[in-house]
Amino acid sequence: MPAAGVHGIEGATAVPLRRAVWTALRVHIDFCIVASVSGPWQIEIEPEVRRWLELLSDAQYDKAERAADMLAAQPTTLGEPYSRHLGGKVRELRFTMDGNAVRITYWLAPDRHIVLLTVFRKTRQRETDEVERAQQAQKSCEADHGPAEHSYDRIKEENP
């Protein structure tokens, strides 16, 4: 499958989550359907986030999935310590994994889409370069992409 970007660009992918709240993030994620009081949201992912998710162990993936579940349940109201506004249209989903602070940047796109843009491990008080990178990714996503066209299902590892 070609590497696609979110919103229909080559490389974009969709991820179905197994939790009841929504159906996606186990993906070459580019989108997932989320159940919410005011209607479903779709979670889309840029290739960077997809590649990161593919490298996670099942336990790590479950941790990321729980964070995404929280976002899917409250996309417009999730606040600190789980989410934080970074400026412009960009926010970050905040959680820890294996003792490290992890951030997945995202924006709330039109038509009830949550787009996961970039991912990084927080190492300093102020991650200016990472924020700028996420803002550039958001601008590019908004200007250059259509809806996600591909979906990806993560296969859970079997333990003998």
N, C-alpha and C. Protein backbone atom coordinates (compact mmCIF):
# COMPACT_ATOMS: atom_id res chain seq x y z
N MET A 1 0.85 -1.17 0.00
CA MET A 1 0.00 0.00 0.00
C MET A 1 0.89 1.23 0.00
N PRO A 2 0.63 2.21 -0.85
CA PRO A 2 1.46 3.40 -0.89
C PRO A 2 1.30 4.20 0.39
N ALA A 3 2.35 4.92 0.74
CA ALA A 3 2.26 5.76 1.93
C ALA A 3 1.34 6.91 1.59
N ALA A 4 0.31 7.09 2.37
CA ALA A 4 -0.64 8.16 2.09
C ALA A 4 -0.68 9.12 3.25
N GLY A 5 -1.08 10.31 2.99
CA GLY A 5 -1.27 11.28 4.04
C GLY A 5 -2.74 11.27 4.40
N VAL A 6 -3.06 11.86 5.47
CA VAL A 6 -4.44 11.95 5.86
C VAL A 6 -5.21 12.75 4.83
N HIS A 7 -6.46 12.57 4.77
CA HIS A 7 -7.35 13.32 3.88
C HIS A 7 -7.15 12.95 2.43
N GLY A 8 -6.92 11.68 2.13
CA GLY A 8 -6.90 11.24 0.76
C GLY A 8 -5.59 11.36 0.04
N ILE A 9 -4.58 11.85 0.68
CA ILE A 9 -3.28 11.95 0.04
C ILE A 9 -2.66 10.58 0.08
N GLU A 10 -1.83 10.27 -0.87
CA GLU A 10 -1.18 8.96 -0.86
C GLU A 10 -0.59 8.67 0.51
N GLY A 11 -0.88 7.50 1.04
CA GLY A 11 -0.34 7.11 2.33
C GLY A 11 -1.33 7.22 3.47
N ALA A 12 -2.47 7.84 3.25
CA ALA A 12 -3.43 8.01 4.33
C ALA A 12 -4.09 6.68 4.66
N THR A 13 -4.44 6.51 5.91
CA THR A 13 -5.02 5.24 6.34
C THR A 13 -6.04 5.44 7.44
N ALA A 14 -6.90 4.48 7.65
CA ALA A 14 -7.88 4.57 8.73
C ALA A 14 -7.66 3.44 9.72
N VAL A 15 -8.01 3.70 10.97
CA VAL A 15 -7.76 2.71 12.01
C VAL A 15 -9.02 2.41 12.80
N PRO A 16 -9.41 1.15 12.91
CA PRO A 16 -10.57 0.84 13.76
C PRO A 16 -10.15 0.49 15.17
N LEU A 17 -10.69 1.17 16.15
CA LEU A 17 -10.42 0.87 17.57
C LEU A 17 -11.38 -0.20 18.04
N ARG A 18 -10.98 -0.93 19.04
CA ARG A 18 -11.84 -1.99 19.52
C ARG A 18 -12.69 -1.56 20.70
N ARG A 19 -12.50 -0.38 21.23
CA ARG A 19 -13.28 0.10 22.35
C ARG A 19 -14.68 0.49 21.86
N ALA A 20 -15.65 0.49 22.77
CA ALA A 20 -17.03 0.78 22.40
C ALA A 20 -17.23 2.22 21.95
N VAL A 21 -16.46 3.14 22.47
CA VAL A 21 -16.67 4.54 22.17
C VAL A 21 -16.41 4.87 20.71
N TRP A 22 -15.48 4.23 20.08
CA TRP A 22 -15.21 4.50 18.68
C TRP A 22 -14.65 3.31 17.97
N THR A 23 -14.52 3.38 16.68
CA THR A 23 -14.07 2.25 15.90
C THR A 23 -12.78 2.50 15.16
N ALA A 24 -11.85 3.26 15.71
CA ALA A 24 -10.63 3.38 14.96
C ALA A 24 -9.49 3.98 15.72
N LEU A 25 -8.33 3.54 15.44
CA LEU A 25 -7.02 4.04 15.85
C LEU A 25 -6.02 2.92 15.70
N ARG A 26 -6.46 1.71 15.65
CA ARG A 26 -5.60 0.59 15.33
C ARG A 26 -5.37 0.70 13.85
N VAL A 27 -4.50 1.57 13.44
CA VAL A 27 -4.50 1.81 12.03
C VAL A 27 -3.15 2.13 11.47
N HIS A 28 -3.13 2.07 10.17
CA HIS A 28 -2.31 2.98 9.42
C HIS A 28 -3.25 4.16 9.58
N ILE A 29 -3.59 4.48 10.73
CA ILE A 29 -4.71 5.33 11.08
C ILE A 29 -4.83 6.51 10.18
N ASP A 30 -5.99 6.65 9.70
CA ASP A 30 -6.34 7.87 9.03
C ASP A 30 -7.71 8.30 9.45
N PHE A 31 -8.50 7.37 9.95
CA PHE A 31 -9.76 7.80 10.52
C PHE A 31 -10.44 6.69 11.29
N CYS A 32 -11.31 7.08 12.15
CA CYS A 32 -12.12 6.11 12.86
C CYS A 32 -13.44 6.74 13.19
N ILE A 33 -14.45 5.93 13.30
CA ILE A 33 -15.77 6.46 13.64
C ILE A 33 -15.90 6.49 15.16
N VAL A 34 -16.38 7.58 15.65
CA VAL A 34 -16.52 7.75 17.08
C VAL A 34 -17.97 8.02 17.41
N ALA A 35 -18.46 7.39 18.44
CA ALA A 35 -19.83 7.65 18.88
C ALA A 35 -19.81 8.81 19.86
N SER A 36 -20.61 9.79 19.62
CA SER A 36 -20.71 10.90 20.56
C SER A 36 -22.15 11.37 20.62
N VAL A 37 -22.45 12.14 21.62
CA VAL A 37 -23.83 12.58 21.82
C VAL A 37 -24.34 13.37 20.63
N SER A 38 -23.51 14.21 20.06
CA SER A 38 -23.96 15.05 18.96
C SER A 38 -23.63 14.46 17.59
N GLY A 39 -23.19 13.25 17.52
CA GLY A 39 -22.92 12.61 16.24
C GLY A 39 -21.51 12.07 16.19
N PRO A 40 -21.25 11.23 15.19
CA PRO A 40 -19.94 10.56 15.11
C PRO A 40 -18.82 11.51 14.67
N TRP A 41 -17.65 11.25 15.19
CA TRP A 41 -16.42 11.93 14.77
C TRP A 41 -15.57 10.91 14.05
N GLN A 42 -14.76 11.34 13.12
CA GLN A 42 -13.81 10.47 12.46
C GLN A 42 -12.42 10.90 12.89
N ILE A 43 -11.58 9.94 13.27
CA ILE A 43 -10.20 10.23 13.60
C ILE A 43 -9.35 9.84 12.41
N GLU A 44 -8.57 10.78 11.95
CA GLU A 44 -7.68 10.54 10.83
C GLU A 44 -6.25 10.72 11.31
N ILE A 45 -5.32 10.03 10.67
CA ILE A 45 -3.93 10.16 11.09
C ILE A 45 -3.01 10.44 9.91
N GLU A 46 -2.04 11.23 10.19
CA GLU A 46 -0.99 11.47 9.21
C GLU A 46 -0.02 10.29 9.26
N PRO A 47 0.74 10.08 8.20
CA PRO A 47 1.65 8.93 8.13
C PRO A 47 2.63 8.83 9.30
N GLU A 48 3.09 9.94 9.82
CA GLU A 48 4.03 9.89 10.96
C GLU A 48 3.41 9.16 12.15
N VAL A 49 2.17 9.46 12.46
CA VAL A 49 1.49 8.82 13.59
C VAL A 49 1.25 7.35 13.28
N ARG A 50 0.88 7.07 12.07
CA ARG A 50 0.66 5.68 11.65
C ARG A 50 1.93 4.84 11.84
N ARG A 51 3.04 5.37 11.36
CA ARG A 51 4.31 4.65 11.50
C ARG A 51 4.66 4.42 12.97
N TRP A 52 4.44 5.42 13.80
CA TRP A 52 4.71 5.30 15.23
C TRP A 52 3.83 4.21 15.85
N LEU A 53 2.55 4.21 15.54
CA LEU A 53 1.64 3.21 16.09
C LEU A 53 2.06 1.80 15.69
N GLU A 54 2.52 1.65 14.48
CA GLU A 54 2.93 0.33 13.99
C GLU A 54 4.13 -0.23 14.76
N LEU A 55 4.93 0.63 15.35
CA LEU A 55 6.12 0.21 16.09
C LEU A 55 5.84 -0.14 17.55
N LEU A 56 4.66 0.18 18.04
CA LEU A 56 4.34 -0.03 19.45
C LEU A 56 4.03 -1.50 19.76
N SER A 57 4.40 -1.92 20.96
CA SER A 57 3.97 -3.24 21.45
C SER A 57 2.47 -3.15 21.72
N ASP A 58 1.83 -4.29 21.93
CA ASP A 58 0.39 -4.27 22.23
C ASP A 58 0.09 -3.46 23.49
N ALA A 59 0.91 -3.61 24.51
CA ALA A 59 0.68 -2.86 25.76
C ALA A 59 0.81 -1.36 25.52
N GLN A 60 1.80 -0.96 24.75
CA GLN A 60 1.98 0.46 24.45
C GLN A 60 0.83 0.97 23.57
N TYR A 61 0.44 0.16 22.61
CA TYR A 61 -0.66 0.54 21.73
C TYR A 61 -1.93 0.73 22.54
N ASP A 62 -2.19 -0.18 23.49
CA ASP A 62 -3.37 -0.05 24.33
C ASP A 62 -3.37 1.27 25.10
N LYS A 63 -2.20 1.70 25.56
CA LYS A 63 -2.08 2.98 26.28
C LYS A 63 -2.43 4.14 25.34
N ALA A 64 -1.89 4.11 24.12
CA ALA A 64 -2.20 5.16 23.15
C ALA A 64 -3.68 5.12 22.78
N GLU A 65 -4.23 3.94 22.68
CA GLU A 65 -5.64 3.77 22.33
C GLU A 65 -6.54 4.36 23.42
N ARG A 66 -6.19 4.14 24.68
CA ARG A 66 -6.98 4.71 25.78
C ARG A 66 -6.98 6.23 25.72
N ALA A 67 -5.83 6.81 25.42
CA ALA A 67 -5.76 8.27 25.30
C ALA A 67 -6.63 8.75 24.14
N ALA A 68 -6.58 8.03 23.02
CA ALA A 68 -7.40 8.40 21.87
C ALA A 68 -8.88 8.22 22.16
N ASP A 69 -9.22 7.20 22.94
CA ASP A 69 -10.61 7.00 23.35
C ASP A 69 -11.13 8.21 24.12
N MET A 70 -10.30 8.73 25.03
CA MET A 70 -10.70 9.93 25.79
C MET A 70 -10.94 11.10 24.85
N LEU A 71 -10.04 11.28 23.89
CA LEU A 71 -10.19 12.38 22.93
C LEU A 71 -11.46 12.19 22.10
N ALA A 72 -11.69 10.98 21.64
CA ALA A 72 -12.87 10.70 20.81
C ALA A 72 -14.17 10.96 21.57
N ALA A 73 -14.15 10.69 22.87
CA ALA A 73 -15.35 10.88 23.69
C ALA A 73 -15.63 12.36 23.97
N GLN A 74 -14.58 13.20 23.98
CA GLN A 74 -14.73 14.62 24.31
C GLN A 74 -13.87 15.49 23.40
N PRO A 75 -14.01 15.41 22.11
CA PRO A 75 -13.07 16.11 21.23
C PRO A 75 -13.03 17.63 21.40
N THR A 76 -14.13 18.22 21.77
CA THR A 76 -14.15 19.68 21.90
C THR A 76 -13.96 20.16 23.33
N THR A 77 -14.03 19.25 24.30
CA THR A 77 -13.97 19.69 25.70
C THR A 77 -12.87 19.04 26.53
N LEU A 78 -12.13 18.10 25.97
CA LEU A 78 -11.07 17.45 26.74
C LEU A 78 -10.00 18.49 27.08
N GLY A 79 -9.73 18.64 28.35
CA GLY A 79 -8.77 19.66 28.79
C GLY A 79 -7.60 19.05 29.53
N GLU A 80 -6.83 19.91 30.19
CA GLU A 80 -5.66 19.46 30.94
C GLU A 80 -6.13 18.58 32.11
N PRO A 81 -5.38 17.58 32.43
CA PRO A 81 -4.02 17.30 31.99
C PRO A 81 -3.94 16.42 30.73
N TYR A 82 -5.08 16.11 30.11
CA TYR A 82 -5.10 15.17 28.99
C TYR A 82 -4.90 15.82 27.63
N SER A 83 -5.25 17.08 27.52
CA SER A 83 -5.13 17.80 26.25
C SER A 83 -4.77 19.25 26.56
N ARG A 84 -4.06 19.86 25.63
CA ARG A 84 -3.64 21.25 25.83
C ARG A 84 -3.58 21.96 24.49
N HIS A 85 -4.01 23.21 24.45
CA HIS A 85 -3.96 24.03 23.25
C HIS A 85 -2.52 24.50 23.03
N LEU A 86 -2.01 24.34 21.81
CA LEU A 86 -0.63 24.74 21.49
C LEU A 86 -0.54 26.03 20.70
N GLY A 87 -1.66 26.53 20.25
CA GLY A 87 -1.67 27.74 19.44
C GLY A 87 -2.31 27.47 18.09
N GLY A 88 -2.98 28.48 17.55
CA GLY A 88 -3.66 28.30 16.28
C GLY A 88 -4.74 27.24 16.43
N LYS A 89 -4.78 26.30 15.49
CA LYS A 89 -5.77 25.22 15.52
C LYS A 89 -5.23 23.95 16.15
N VAL A 90 -3.99 23.97 16.61
CA VAL A 90 -3.32 22.75 17.06
C VAL A 90 -3.41 22.57 18.57
N ARG A 91 -3.68 21.32 18.95
CA ARG A 91 -3.72 20.91 20.34
C ARG A 91 -2.83 19.68 20.48
N GLU A 92 -2.57 19.26 21.72
CA GLU A 92 -1.81 18.03 21.94
C GLU A 92 -2.58 17.12 22.88
N LEU A 93 -2.55 15.82 22.57
CA LEU A 93 -3.07 14.78 23.43
C LEU A 93 -1.90 14.36 24.30
N ARG A 94 -2.09 14.33 25.62
CA ARG A 94 -0.98 14.14 26.56
C ARG A 94 -1.18 12.87 27.38
N PHE A 95 -0.14 12.03 27.42
CA PHE A 95 -0.18 10.83 28.25
C PHE A 95 1.24 10.34 28.47
N THR A 96 1.39 9.39 29.38
CA THR A 96 2.72 8.81 29.61
C THR A 96 2.73 7.38 29.11
N MET A 97 3.91 6.96 28.67
CA MET A 97 4.10 5.61 28.19
C MET A 97 5.49 5.17 28.62
N ASP A 98 5.55 4.10 29.38
CA ASP A 98 6.83 3.58 29.87
C ASP A 98 7.63 4.66 30.60
N GLY A 99 6.93 5.50 31.35
CA GLY A 99 7.59 6.54 32.14
C GLY A 99 7.95 7.80 31.37
N ASN A 100 7.64 7.86 30.08
CA ASN A 100 7.95 9.03 29.25
C ASN A 100 6.68 9.81 28.91
N ALA A 101 6.79 11.12 28.93
CA ALA A 101 5.67 11.97 28.51
C ALA A 101 5.58 11.93 26.99
N VAL A 102 4.44 11.50 26.47
CA VAL A 102 4.22 11.39 25.03
C VAL A 102 3.18 12.40 24.62
N ARG A 103 3.37 13.00 23.46
CA ARG A 103 2.43 13.97 22.93
C ARG A 103 2.06 13.59 21.49
N ILE A 104 0.77 13.58 21.21
CA ILE A 104 0.28 13.44 19.84
C ILE A 104 -0.45 14.73 19.53
N THR A 105 0.02 15.45 18.53
CA THR A 105 -0.62 16.70 18.17
C THR A 105 -1.80 16.41 17.25
N TYR A 106 -2.82 17.27 17.33
CA TYR A 106 -4.02 17.06 16.53
C TYR A 106 -4.73 18.39 16.30
N TRP A 107 -5.67 18.35 15.37
CA TRP A 107 -6.55 19.50 15.19
C TRP A 107 -7.95 18.99 14.88
N LEU A 108 -8.94 19.81 15.18
CA LEU A 108 -10.33 19.48 14.90
C LEU A 108 -10.68 20.07 13.55
N ALA A 109 -10.70 19.21 12.55
CA ALA A 109 -10.95 19.63 11.18
C ALA A 109 -12.46 19.74 10.93
N PRO A 110 -12.83 20.36 9.82
CA PRO A 110 -14.27 20.46 9.50
C PRO A 110 -14.93 19.09 9.37
N ASP A 111 -16.23 19.09 9.44
CA ASP A 111 -17.05 17.89 9.25
C ASP A 111 -16.76 16.82 10.30
N ARG A 112 -16.46 17.22 11.53
CA ARG A 112 -16.30 16.31 12.67
C ARG A 112 -15.16 15.32 12.47
N HIS A 113 -14.02 15.84 12.02
CA HIS A 113 -12.81 15.04 11.87
C HIS A 113 -11.78 15.49 12.90
N ILE A 114 -11.15 14.51 13.56
CA ILE A 114 -10.01 14.76 14.44
C ILE A 114 -8.81 14.23 13.68
N VAL A 115 -7.84 15.10 13.41
CA VAL A 115 -6.68 14.67 12.63
C VAL A 115 -5.46 14.63 13.55
N LEU A 116 -4.89 13.42 13.72
CA LEU A 116 -3.67 13.25 14.51
C LEU A 116 -2.50 13.58 13.58
N LEU A 117 -1.71 14.58 13.95
CA LEU A 117 -0.70 15.14 13.05
C LEU A 117 0.71 14.58 13.25
N THR A 118 1.24 14.76 14.46
CA THR A 118 2.62 14.39 14.75
C THR A 118 2.68 13.74 16.13
N VAL A 119 3.79 13.10 16.42
CA VAL A 119 3.98 12.49 17.73
C VAL A 119 5.40 12.75 18.19
N PHE A 120 5.57 13.00 19.48
CA PHE A 120 6.91 13.20 20.02
C PHE A 120 6.93 12.88 21.51
N ARG A 121 8.11 12.61 21.99
CA ARG A 121 8.33 12.40 23.41
C ARG A 121 8.78 13.74 23.99
N LYS A 122 8.11 14.18 25.03
CA LYS A 122 8.43 15.47 25.64
C LYS A 122 9.73 15.34 26.42
N THR A 123 10.68 16.21 26.10
CA THR A 123 11.98 16.17 26.76
C THR A 123 12.36 17.49 27.41
N ARG A 124 11.65 18.56 27.10
CA ARG A 124 11.95 19.87 27.69
C ARG A 124 10.68 20.58 28.11
N GLN A 125 10.88 21.62 28.89
CA GLN A 125 9.74 22.40 29.38
C GLN A 125 8.94 22.97 28.23
N ARG A 126 9.62 23.51 27.24
CA ARG A 126 8.96 24.14 26.10
C ARG A 126 9.46 23.48 24.83
N GLU A 127 8.59 22.81 24.12
CA GLU A 127 8.94 22.09 22.89
C GLU A 127 8.61 22.95 21.67
N THR A 128 9.28 24.07 21.54
CA THR A 128 8.98 25.04 20.49
C THR A 128 9.10 24.44 19.09
N ASP A 129 10.16 23.69 18.82
CA ASP A 129 10.35 23.10 17.49
C ASP A 129 9.24 22.12 17.16
N GLU A 130 8.82 21.32 18.14
CA GLU A 130 7.76 20.34 17.92
C GLU A 130 6.42 21.03 17.67
N VAL A 131 6.16 22.12 18.38
CA VAL A 131 4.92 22.87 18.18
C VAL A 131 4.91 23.47 16.78
N GLU A 132 6.02 24.05 16.37
CA GLU A 132 6.10 24.63 15.02
C GLU A 132 5.91 23.56 13.95
N ARG A 133 6.50 22.39 14.16
CA ARG A 133 6.36 21.28 13.21
C ARG A 133 4.89 20.85 13.10
N ALA A 134 4.22 20.77 14.24
CA ALA A 134 2.80 20.39 14.25
C ALA A 134 1.94 21.45 13.57
N GLN A 135 2.25 22.71 13.79
CA GLN A 135 1.48 23.77 13.14
C GLN A 135 1.67 23.75 11.63
N GLN A 136 2.88 23.45 11.18
CA GLN A 136 3.13 23.31 9.73
C GLN A 136 2.36 22.11 9.17
N ALA A 137 2.36 21.01 9.91
CA ALA A 137 1.63 19.81 9.47
C ALA A 137 0.13 20.11 9.38
N GLN A 138 -0.39 20.87 10.33
CA GLN A 138 -1.81 21.22 10.31
C GLN A 138 -2.13 22.09 9.10
N LYS A 139 -1.31 23.07 8.83
CA LYS A 139 -1.54 23.95 7.68
C LYS A 139 -1.49 23.17 6.38
N SER A 140 -0.53 22.27 6.27
CA SER A 140 -0.40 21.44 5.08
C SER A 140 -1.62 20.52 4.93
N CYS A 141 -2.02 19.92 6.02
CA CYS A 141 -3.18 19.03 6.02
C CYS A 141 -4.43 19.77 5.57
N GLU A 142 -4.63 20.93 6.12
CA GLU A 142 -5.82 21.71 5.80
C GLU A 142 -5.83 22.17 4.34
N ALA A 143 -4.67 22.54 3.83
CA ALA A 143 -4.59 23.08 2.47
C ALA A 143 -4.52 22.01 1.39
N ASP A 144 -3.90 20.87 1.67
CA ASP A 144 -3.55 19.94 0.61
C ASP A 144 -4.28 18.61 0.58
N HIS A 145 -5.04 18.26 1.58
CA HIS A 145 -5.58 16.91 1.66
C HIS A 145 -7.08 16.85 1.49
N GLY A 146 -7.54 15.69 1.00
CA GLY A 146 -8.96 15.36 0.98
C GLY A 146 -9.23 14.35 2.07
N PRO A 147 -10.42 13.78 2.13
CA PRO A 147 -10.73 12.79 3.17
C PRO A 147 -9.85 11.55 3.04
N ALA A 148 -9.60 10.89 4.15
CA ALA A 148 -8.81 9.66 4.15
C ALA A 148 -9.50 8.60 3.31
N GLU A 149 -8.71 7.80 2.63
CA GLU A 149 -9.27 6.79 1.73
C GLU A 149 -8.96 5.36 2.14
N HIS A 150 -8.00 5.15 3.02
CA HIS A 150 -7.57 3.81 3.38
C HIS A 150 -7.84 3.53 4.84
N SER A 151 -8.00 2.25 5.16
CA SER A 151 -8.13 1.87 6.56
C SER A 151 -7.09 0.80 6.88
N TYR A 152 -6.79 0.68 8.14
CA TYR A 152 -5.78 -0.26 8.61
C TYR A 152 -6.26 -0.89 9.89
N ASP A 153 -6.13 -2.20 9.98
CA ASP A 153 -6.47 -2.91 11.21
C ASP A 153 -5.21 -3.47 11.79
N ARG A 154 -4.97 -3.18 13.05
CA ARG A 154 -3.80 -3.74 13.73
C ARG A 154 -4.16 -5.12 14.23
N ILE A 155 -3.32 -6.07 13.95
CA ILE A 155 -3.53 -7.43 14.41
C ILE A 155 -2.86 -7.60 15.76
N LYS A 156 -3.62 -8.03 16.75
CA LYS A 156 -3.07 -8.22 18.09
C LYS A 156 -2.10 -9.39 18.08
N GLU A 157 -0.95 -9.19 18.74
CA GLU A 157 0.05 -10.23 18.82
C GLU A 157 -0.47 -11.39 19.66
N GLU A 158 -0.20 -12.60 19.22
CA GLU A 158 -0.60 -13.79 19.95
C GLU A 158 0.52 -14.22 20.87
N ASN A 159 0.22 -14.51 22.13
CA ASN A 159 1.19 -15.03 23.08
C ASN A 159 1.00 -16.53 23.17
N PRO A 160 2.08 -17.33 22.97
CA PRO A 160 1.93 -18.78 23.00
C PRO A 160 1.54 -19.31 24.37
